[in-house]
Amino acid sequence: MINLIRVGLLTISWLSLVFLPKRSFRKYLPVANLAVGLILLTSLFSLPFKLWIVEKGGIKEKIFTDLSLILGPFFSGTLWIFHLTYGRFGPYLLLNMVMNLLLAFPLCTIFQKLKLFKLVNFRPVHIFFTYIFYSIVLYGYQMFLTKPKQLLSK
């Protein structure tokens, strides 16, 4: 069951990208890669600080679970959010807040009931605020990538 959930997260996320314009994919790929890097770092910190664990299996199962979330919904979600809202910080932040609320509260509860992972020293509120902070960093990074090109074209 857990493997089916992991594969489903990856497959559905990547299939959604078929509908994303290629131009947006290329434009926002660097910021999506940074998002993956930030969340991978968080995942690495989860080991010594026991932020979350997998209930069944060891490190191998944790890696598979984390990567299915990071390379699936987080990667594709970053691309979609930037495609839909970049250039308008208010809607960008609002959409991120909604998505992070959904992740932190109902989805984390569902994933824990499905025994995908178990939060230990990382509460839903921590997830929400950590990922909101990441979204602000990501927006700044995309602005940094975009602004020099805009200045050169003037």
N, C-alpha and C. Protein backbone atom coordinates (compact mmCIF):
# COMPACT_ATOMS: atom_id res chain seq x y z
N MET A 1 0.82 -1.20 0.00
CA MET A 1 0.00 0.00 0.00
C MET A 1 0.86 1.27 0.00
N ILE A 2 1.90 1.27 0.84
CA ILE A 2 2.77 2.44 0.94
C ILE A 2 3.49 2.69 -0.38
N ASN A 3 3.97 1.62 -1.02
CA ASN A 3 4.64 1.78 -2.31
C ASN A 3 3.69 2.33 -3.37
N LEU A 4 2.43 1.92 -3.32
CA LEU A 4 1.43 2.43 -4.25
C LEU A 4 1.21 3.94 -4.05
N ILE A 5 1.19 4.36 -2.81
CA ILE A 5 1.04 5.79 -2.50
C ILE A 5 2.24 6.56 -3.03
N ARG A 6 3.43 6.06 -2.78
CA ARG A 6 4.66 6.73 -3.25
C ARG A 6 4.65 6.87 -4.78
N VAL A 7 4.38 5.78 -5.45
CA VAL A 7 4.37 5.80 -6.92
C VAL A 7 3.25 6.73 -7.42
N GLY A 8 2.12 6.70 -6.75
CA GLY A 8 1.01 7.57 -7.12
C GLY A 8 1.36 9.04 -6.98
N LEU A 9 2.02 9.39 -5.89
CA LEU A 9 2.44 10.79 -5.69
C LEU A 9 3.36 11.26 -6.82
N LEU A 10 4.33 10.43 -7.15
CA LEU A 10 5.26 10.78 -8.23
C LEU A 10 4.56 10.84 -9.58
N THR A 11 3.79 9.82 -9.88
CA THR A 11 3.16 9.71 -11.21
C THR A 11 2.17 10.84 -11.46
N ILE A 12 1.27 11.07 -10.54
CA ILE A 12 0.26 12.13 -10.72
C ILE A 12 0.92 13.49 -10.83
N SER A 13 1.92 13.73 -9.98
CA SER A 13 2.62 15.02 -10.02
C SER A 13 3.29 15.26 -11.36
N TRP A 14 3.99 14.25 -11.85
CA TRP A 14 4.70 14.40 -13.12
C TRP A 14 3.76 14.42 -14.31
N LEU A 15 2.66 13.67 -14.24
CA LEU A 15 1.68 13.72 -15.33
C LEU A 15 1.04 15.09 -15.45
N SER A 16 0.87 15.79 -14.33
CA SER A 16 0.29 17.14 -14.38
C SER A 16 1.17 18.09 -15.19
N LEU A 17 2.47 17.82 -15.22
CA LEU A 17 3.40 18.72 -15.92
C LEU A 17 3.23 18.66 -17.44
N VAL A 18 2.51 17.67 -17.93
CA VAL A 18 2.21 17.61 -19.36
C VAL A 18 1.41 18.85 -19.78
N PHE A 19 0.62 19.38 -18.87
CA PHE A 19 -0.21 20.55 -19.15
C PHE A 19 0.49 21.88 -18.89
N LEU A 20 1.68 21.84 -18.31
CA LEU A 20 2.45 23.05 -18.06
C LEU A 20 3.18 23.45 -19.34
N PRO A 21 3.06 24.72 -19.76
CA PRO A 21 3.79 25.13 -20.97
C PRO A 21 5.30 24.90 -20.83
N LYS A 22 5.94 24.46 -21.91
CA LYS A 22 7.38 24.17 -21.88
C LYS A 22 8.17 25.41 -21.47
N ARG A 23 7.72 26.56 -21.92
CA ARG A 23 8.41 27.82 -21.58
C ARG A 23 8.43 28.02 -20.06
N SER A 24 7.30 27.76 -19.41
CA SER A 24 7.22 27.89 -17.95
C SER A 24 8.09 26.85 -17.27
N PHE A 25 8.10 25.64 -17.80
CA PHE A 25 8.94 24.60 -17.22
C PHE A 25 10.39 25.04 -17.21
N ARG A 26 10.87 25.51 -18.36
CA ARG A 26 12.27 25.96 -18.45
C ARG A 26 12.53 27.18 -17.58
N LYS A 27 11.59 28.11 -17.56
CA LYS A 27 11.77 29.35 -16.82
C LYS A 27 11.85 29.10 -15.31
N TYR A 28 11.01 28.19 -14.80
CA TYR A 28 10.92 27.98 -13.36
C TYR A 28 11.66 26.73 -12.87
N LEU A 29 12.34 26.04 -13.76
CA LEU A 29 13.10 24.85 -13.36
C LEU A 29 14.18 25.17 -12.31
N PRO A 30 14.94 26.27 -12.46
CA PRO A 30 15.94 26.55 -11.42
C PRO A 30 15.33 26.76 -10.03
N VAL A 31 14.21 27.45 -9.95
CA VAL A 31 13.60 27.69 -8.64
C VAL A 31 13.00 26.40 -8.09
N ALA A 32 12.48 25.53 -8.97
CA ALA A 32 11.97 24.24 -8.51
C ALA A 32 13.11 23.37 -7.99
N ASN A 33 14.27 23.45 -8.64
CA ASN A 33 15.44 22.71 -8.16
C ASN A 33 15.90 23.24 -6.80
N LEU A 34 15.85 24.56 -6.60
CA LEU A 34 16.20 25.12 -5.29
C LEU A 34 15.21 24.62 -4.24
N ALA A 35 13.93 24.58 -4.58
CA ALA A 35 12.92 24.06 -3.64
C ALA A 35 13.24 22.63 -3.25
N VAL A 36 13.59 21.82 -4.23
CA VAL A 36 13.98 20.43 -3.96
C VAL A 36 15.18 20.41 -3.03
N GLY A 37 16.17 21.26 -3.28
CA GLY A 37 17.36 21.32 -2.43
C GLY A 37 17.03 21.70 -0.99
N LEU A 38 16.18 22.71 -0.82
CA LEU A 38 15.80 23.14 0.53
C LEU A 38 15.08 22.03 1.29
N ILE A 39 14.19 21.35 0.61
CA ILE A 39 13.41 20.30 1.27
C ILE A 39 14.28 19.06 1.51
N LEU A 40 15.24 18.81 0.60
CA LEU A 40 16.20 17.73 0.85
C LEU A 40 17.03 18.01 2.10
N LEU A 41 17.43 19.27 2.28
CA LEU A 41 18.17 19.64 3.49
C LEU A 41 17.32 19.42 4.73
N THR A 42 16.07 19.81 4.65
CA THR A 42 15.16 19.58 5.77
C THR A 42 15.05 18.09 6.06
N SER A 43 14.97 17.30 5.00
CA SER A 43 14.90 15.85 5.16
C SER A 43 16.16 15.30 5.81
N LEU A 44 17.32 15.83 5.43
CA LEU A 44 18.58 15.39 6.06
C LEU A 44 18.60 15.75 7.54
N PHE A 45 18.11 16.96 7.88
CA PHE A 45 18.06 17.38 9.28
C PHE A 45 17.06 16.55 10.07
N SER A 46 16.11 15.95 9.38
CA SER A 46 15.10 15.16 10.09
C SER A 46 15.70 13.91 10.73
N LEU A 47 16.83 13.47 10.21
CA LEU A 47 17.45 12.26 10.78
C LEU A 47 18.01 12.50 12.19
N PRO A 48 18.97 13.43 12.36
CA PRO A 48 19.52 13.59 13.71
C PRO A 48 18.53 14.23 14.70
N PHE A 49 17.61 15.05 14.20
CA PHE A 49 16.68 15.75 15.09
C PHE A 49 15.34 15.03 15.21
N LYS A 50 15.22 13.87 14.55
CA LYS A 50 13.98 13.07 14.57
C LYS A 50 12.75 13.95 14.34
N LEU A 51 12.78 14.69 13.22
CA LEU A 51 11.63 15.52 12.89
C LEU A 51 10.45 14.64 12.50
N TRP A 52 10.72 13.61 11.69
CA TRP A 52 9.72 12.61 11.35
C TRP A 52 10.42 11.29 11.09
N ILE A 53 9.67 10.23 11.19
CA ILE A 53 10.21 8.90 10.96
C ILE A 53 9.23 8.12 10.09
N VAL A 54 9.70 7.03 9.53
CA VAL A 54 8.79 6.08 8.89
C VAL A 54 8.55 4.99 9.92
N GLU A 55 7.30 4.55 10.00
CA GLU A 55 6.94 3.58 11.04
C GLU A 55 7.40 2.17 10.70
N LYS A 56 7.38 1.87 9.40
CA LYS A 56 7.80 0.52 8.99
C LYS A 56 9.02 0.65 8.10
N GLY A 57 10.08 -0.05 8.45
CA GLY A 57 11.29 0.01 7.65
C GLY A 57 12.30 0.95 8.27
N GLY A 58 13.42 1.05 7.63
CA GLY A 58 14.50 1.87 8.15
C GLY A 58 14.78 3.06 7.25
N ILE A 59 16.05 3.36 7.13
CA ILE A 59 16.50 4.53 6.39
C ILE A 59 16.11 4.44 4.91
N LYS A 60 16.16 3.23 4.36
CA LYS A 60 15.80 3.05 2.95
C LYS A 60 14.35 3.46 2.71
N GLU A 61 13.46 3.06 3.59
CA GLU A 61 12.04 3.42 3.47
C GLU A 61 11.84 4.92 3.63
N LYS A 62 12.59 5.53 4.55
CA LYS A 62 12.49 6.98 4.75
C LYS A 62 12.94 7.72 3.50
N ILE A 63 14.02 7.27 2.91
CA ILE A 63 14.52 7.91 1.69
C ILE A 63 13.49 7.81 0.57
N PHE A 64 12.90 6.63 0.38
CA PHE A 64 11.90 6.45 -0.66
C PHE A 64 10.67 7.34 -0.41
N THR A 65 10.24 7.40 0.83
CA THR A 65 9.08 8.24 1.17
C THR A 65 9.38 9.71 0.94
N ASP A 66 10.51 10.17 1.47
CA ASP A 66 10.88 11.58 1.32
C ASP A 66 11.04 11.96 -0.15
N LEU A 67 11.73 11.12 -0.91
CA LEU A 67 11.95 11.44 -2.32
C LEU A 67 10.66 11.43 -3.12
N SER A 68 9.73 10.55 -2.77
CA SER A 68 8.45 10.55 -3.51
C SER A 68 7.68 11.84 -3.29
N LEU A 69 7.79 12.42 -2.10
CA LEU A 69 7.13 13.70 -1.83
C LEU A 69 7.92 14.87 -2.43
N ILE A 70 9.23 14.83 -2.28
CA ILE A 70 10.07 15.94 -2.74
C ILE A 70 10.10 16.02 -4.27
N LEU A 71 10.34 14.89 -4.93
CA LEU A 71 10.45 14.90 -6.39
C LEU A 71 9.09 14.85 -7.08
N GLY A 72 8.05 14.60 -6.32
CA GLY A 72 6.70 14.58 -6.86
C GLY A 72 5.98 15.90 -6.61
N PRO A 73 5.14 15.95 -5.58
CA PRO A 73 4.32 17.14 -5.35
C PRO A 73 5.10 18.43 -5.10
N PHE A 74 6.23 18.36 -4.38
CA PHE A 74 6.95 19.60 -4.11
C PHE A 74 7.56 20.18 -5.39
N PHE A 75 8.18 19.33 -6.19
CA PHE A 75 8.80 19.80 -7.43
C PHE A 75 7.75 20.34 -8.40
N SER A 76 6.76 19.52 -8.70
CA SER A 76 5.74 19.95 -9.68
C SER A 76 4.89 21.07 -9.12
N GLY A 77 4.60 21.03 -7.83
CA GLY A 77 3.82 22.11 -7.21
C GLY A 77 4.52 23.45 -7.30
N THR A 78 5.83 23.45 -7.12
CA THR A 78 6.60 24.69 -7.24
C THR A 78 6.48 25.24 -8.66
N LEU A 79 6.64 24.37 -9.65
CA LEU A 79 6.51 24.81 -11.04
C LEU A 79 5.13 25.39 -11.32
N TRP A 80 4.08 24.71 -10.85
CA TRP A 80 2.72 25.18 -11.10
C TRP A 80 2.42 26.50 -10.38
N ILE A 81 2.86 26.61 -9.13
CA ILE A 81 2.59 27.84 -8.38
C ILE A 81 3.29 29.02 -9.03
N PHE A 82 4.53 28.84 -9.45
CA PHE A 82 5.22 29.94 -10.13
C PHE A 82 4.57 30.25 -11.48
N HIS A 83 4.18 29.25 -12.21
CA HIS A 83 3.52 29.48 -13.49
C HIS A 83 2.24 30.29 -13.31
N LEU A 84 1.48 29.97 -12.29
CA LEU A 84 0.17 30.62 -12.09
C LEU A 84 0.26 31.99 -11.45
N THR A 85 1.30 32.25 -10.66
CA THR A 85 1.27 33.47 -9.84
C THR A 85 2.51 34.36 -9.93
N TYR A 86 3.60 33.91 -10.56
CA TYR A 86 4.81 34.73 -10.50
C TYR A 86 4.58 36.11 -11.11
N GLY A 87 5.10 37.11 -10.44
CA GLY A 87 4.92 38.50 -10.85
C GLY A 87 3.87 39.20 -10.01
N ARG A 88 3.14 38.43 -9.22
CA ARG A 88 2.13 38.97 -8.31
C ARG A 88 2.35 38.32 -6.95
N PHE A 89 3.08 39.01 -6.08
CA PHE A 89 3.50 38.41 -4.82
C PHE A 89 2.32 38.05 -3.92
N GLY A 90 1.30 38.90 -3.87
CA GLY A 90 0.13 38.63 -3.01
C GLY A 90 -0.53 37.30 -3.35
N PRO A 91 -0.94 37.10 -4.61
CA PRO A 91 -1.53 35.80 -4.96
C PRO A 91 -0.55 34.63 -4.78
N TYR A 92 0.74 34.87 -5.04
CA TYR A 92 1.75 33.82 -4.84
C TYR A 92 1.78 33.38 -3.38
N LEU A 93 1.86 34.36 -2.48
CA LEU A 93 1.94 34.04 -1.06
C LEU A 93 0.64 33.40 -0.58
N LEU A 94 -0.49 33.90 -1.03
CA LEU A 94 -1.78 33.34 -0.64
C LEU A 94 -1.91 31.89 -1.10
N LEU A 95 -1.56 31.60 -2.35
CA LEU A 95 -1.63 30.23 -2.86
C LEU A 95 -0.69 29.31 -2.08
N ASN A 96 0.51 29.80 -1.76
CA ASN A 96 1.44 29.01 -0.95
C ASN A 96 0.88 28.76 0.44
N MET A 97 0.24 29.77 1.02
CA MET A 97 -0.34 29.58 2.35
C MET A 97 -1.44 28.52 2.33
N VAL A 98 -2.28 28.57 1.31
CA VAL A 98 -3.35 27.57 1.19
C VAL A 98 -2.76 26.17 1.01
N MET A 99 -1.80 26.04 0.10
CA MET A 99 -1.20 24.72 -0.16
C MET A 99 -0.46 24.20 1.08
N ASN A 100 0.24 25.09 1.79
CA ASN A 100 0.97 24.66 2.97
C ASN A 100 0.02 24.32 4.13
N LEU A 101 -1.11 25.03 4.22
CA LEU A 101 -2.12 24.66 5.22
C LEU A 101 -2.67 23.27 4.93
N LEU A 102 -2.96 23.01 3.64
CA LEU A 102 -3.46 21.69 3.27
C LEU A 102 -2.44 20.60 3.58
N LEU A 103 -1.17 20.87 3.29
CA LEU A 103 -0.13 19.90 3.58
C LEU A 103 0.03 19.69 5.08
N ALA A 104 0.14 20.78 5.81
CA ALA A 104 0.46 20.70 7.23
C ALA A 104 -0.63 20.05 8.06
N PHE A 105 -1.86 20.30 7.72
CA PHE A 105 -2.92 19.80 8.58
C PHE A 105 -3.65 18.59 8.00
N PRO A 106 -4.51 18.69 7.03
CA PRO A 106 -5.21 17.47 6.65
C PRO A 106 -4.31 16.42 5.98
N LEU A 107 -3.41 16.83 5.09
CA LEU A 107 -2.59 15.83 4.39
C LEU A 107 -1.62 15.11 5.32
N CYS A 108 -1.00 15.84 6.23
CA CYS A 108 -0.09 15.17 7.18
C CYS A 108 -0.85 14.17 8.04
N THR A 109 -2.05 14.53 8.44
CA THR A 109 -2.86 13.60 9.22
C THR A 109 -3.19 12.36 8.40
N ILE A 110 -3.59 12.56 7.15
CA ILE A 110 -3.91 11.43 6.27
C ILE A 110 -2.68 10.56 6.03
N PHE A 111 -1.54 11.19 5.72
CA PHE A 111 -0.32 10.43 5.48
C PHE A 111 0.11 9.63 6.72
N GLN A 112 -0.10 10.21 7.90
CA GLN A 112 0.27 9.49 9.12
C GLN A 112 -0.68 8.30 9.35
N LYS A 113 -1.96 8.49 9.05
CA LYS A 113 -2.92 7.38 9.20
C LYS A 113 -2.63 6.27 8.20
N LEU A 114 -2.12 6.64 7.02
CA LEU A 114 -1.74 5.65 6.02
C LEU A 114 -0.37 5.03 6.33
N LYS A 115 0.26 5.51 7.41
CA LYS A 115 1.57 5.02 7.87
C LYS A 115 2.69 5.30 6.87
N LEU A 116 2.56 6.42 6.15
CA LEU A 116 3.62 6.84 5.24
C LEU A 116 4.79 7.40 6.05
N PHE A 117 4.47 8.17 7.07
CA PHE A 117 5.46 8.70 8.00
C PHE A 117 4.76 9.07 9.30
N LYS A 118 5.56 9.41 10.30
CA LYS A 118 5.02 9.86 11.58
C LYS A 118 5.83 11.07 12.04
N LEU A 119 5.14 12.17 12.30
CA LEU A 119 5.81 13.36 12.81
C LEU A 119 6.24 13.10 14.26
N VAL A 120 7.47 13.48 14.60
CA VAL A 120 7.97 13.29 15.95
C VAL A 120 8.24 14.66 16.58
N ASN A 121 9.29 15.34 16.13
CA ASN A 121 9.64 16.65 16.68
C ASN A 121 9.32 17.79 15.70
N PHE A 122 8.47 17.53 14.77
CA PHE A 122 8.10 18.51 13.74
C PHE A 122 6.57 18.48 13.69
N ARG A 123 5.96 19.52 14.15
CA ARG A 123 4.50 19.59 14.21
C ARG A 123 3.96 20.24 12.94
N PRO A 124 2.67 20.06 12.66
CA PRO A 124 2.08 20.69 11.48
C PRO A 124 2.32 22.19 11.41
N VAL A 125 2.28 22.87 12.51
CA VAL A 125 2.53 24.32 12.51
C VAL A 125 3.97 24.62 12.08
N HIS A 126 4.91 23.76 12.46
CA HIS A 126 6.30 23.93 12.03
C HIS A 126 6.42 23.73 10.52
N ILE A 127 5.71 22.74 10.00
CA ILE A 127 5.71 22.50 8.56
C ILE A 127 5.19 23.74 7.84
N PHE A 128 4.08 24.27 8.31
CA PHE A 128 3.47 25.43 7.68
C PHE A 128 4.45 26.61 7.63
N PHE A 129 5.01 26.98 8.76
CA PHE A 129 5.87 28.16 8.79
C PHE A 129 7.21 27.92 8.09
N THR A 130 7.75 26.72 8.17
CA THR A 130 9.00 26.42 7.46
C THR A 130 8.80 26.58 5.96
N TYR A 131 7.72 26.02 5.43
CA TYR A 131 7.50 26.07 3.99
C TYR A 131 7.05 27.45 3.51
N ILE A 132 6.42 28.23 4.38
CA ILE A 132 6.12 29.63 4.02
C ILE A 132 7.44 30.39 3.90
N PHE A 133 8.35 30.16 4.85
CA PHE A 133 9.67 30.80 4.77
C PHE A 133 10.37 30.39 3.48
N TYR A 134 10.34 29.10 3.15
CA TYR A 134 10.95 28.63 1.91
C TYR A 134 10.31 29.31 0.70
N SER A 135 9.00 29.48 0.72
CA SER A 135 8.34 30.09 -0.44
C SER A 135 8.79 31.54 -0.64
N ILE A 136 9.05 32.26 0.43
CA ILE A 136 9.54 33.64 0.32
C ILE A 136 10.96 33.64 -0.23
N VAL A 137 11.79 32.72 0.24
CA VAL A 137 13.16 32.58 -0.28
C VAL A 137 13.11 32.25 -1.78
N LEU A 138 12.23 31.34 -2.15
CA LEU A 138 12.12 30.93 -3.55
C LEU A 138 11.67 32.09 -4.44
N TYR A 139 10.74 32.89 -3.96
CA TYR A 139 10.27 34.03 -4.75
C TYR A 139 11.42 35.03 -4.96
N GLY A 140 12.17 35.28 -3.90
CA GLY A 140 13.33 36.17 -4.02
C GLY A 140 14.36 35.63 -5.01
N TYR A 141 14.58 34.34 -4.98
CA TYR A 141 15.52 33.71 -5.90
C TYR A 141 15.05 33.86 -7.35
N GLN A 142 13.75 33.63 -7.57
CA GLN A 142 13.22 33.78 -8.94
C GLN A 142 13.32 35.24 -9.40
N MET A 143 13.09 36.17 -8.48
CA MET A 143 13.25 37.59 -8.84
C MET A 143 14.69 37.88 -9.22
N PHE A 144 15.62 37.31 -8.47
CA PHE A 144 17.04 37.49 -8.75
C PHE A 144 17.37 36.95 -10.14
N LEU A 145 16.79 35.80 -10.48
CA LEU A 145 17.05 35.21 -11.80
C LEU A 145 16.41 36.01 -12.92
N THR A 146 15.26 36.61 -12.66
CA THR A 146 14.49 37.30 -13.69
C THR A 146 14.93 38.75 -13.89
N LYS A 147 15.23 39.45 -12.84
CA LYS A 147 15.54 40.89 -12.92
C LYS A 147 16.72 41.23 -13.82
N PRO A 148 17.84 40.54 -13.74
CA PRO A 148 18.95 40.91 -14.63
C PRO A 148 18.55 40.84 -16.12
N LYS A 149 17.74 39.88 -16.47
CA LYS A 149 17.29 39.75 -17.85
C LYS A 149 16.39 40.93 -18.23
N GLN A 150 15.56 41.35 -17.30
CA GLN A 150 14.68 42.49 -17.57
C GLN A 150 15.49 43.78 -17.70
N LEU A 151 16.52 43.95 -16.88
CA LEU A 151 17.35 45.15 -16.95
C LEU A 151 18.13 45.20 -18.26
N LEU A 152 18.60 44.04 -18.73
CA LEU A 152 19.36 44.01 -19.99
C LEU A 152 18.49 44.29 -21.19
N SER A 153 17.20 43.97 -21.10
CA SER A 153 16.33 44.16 -22.25
C SER A 153 15.85 45.61 -22.39
N LYS A 154 16.10 46.45 -21.40
CA LYS A 154 15.65 47.87 -21.47
C LYS A 154 16.62 48.73 -22.24
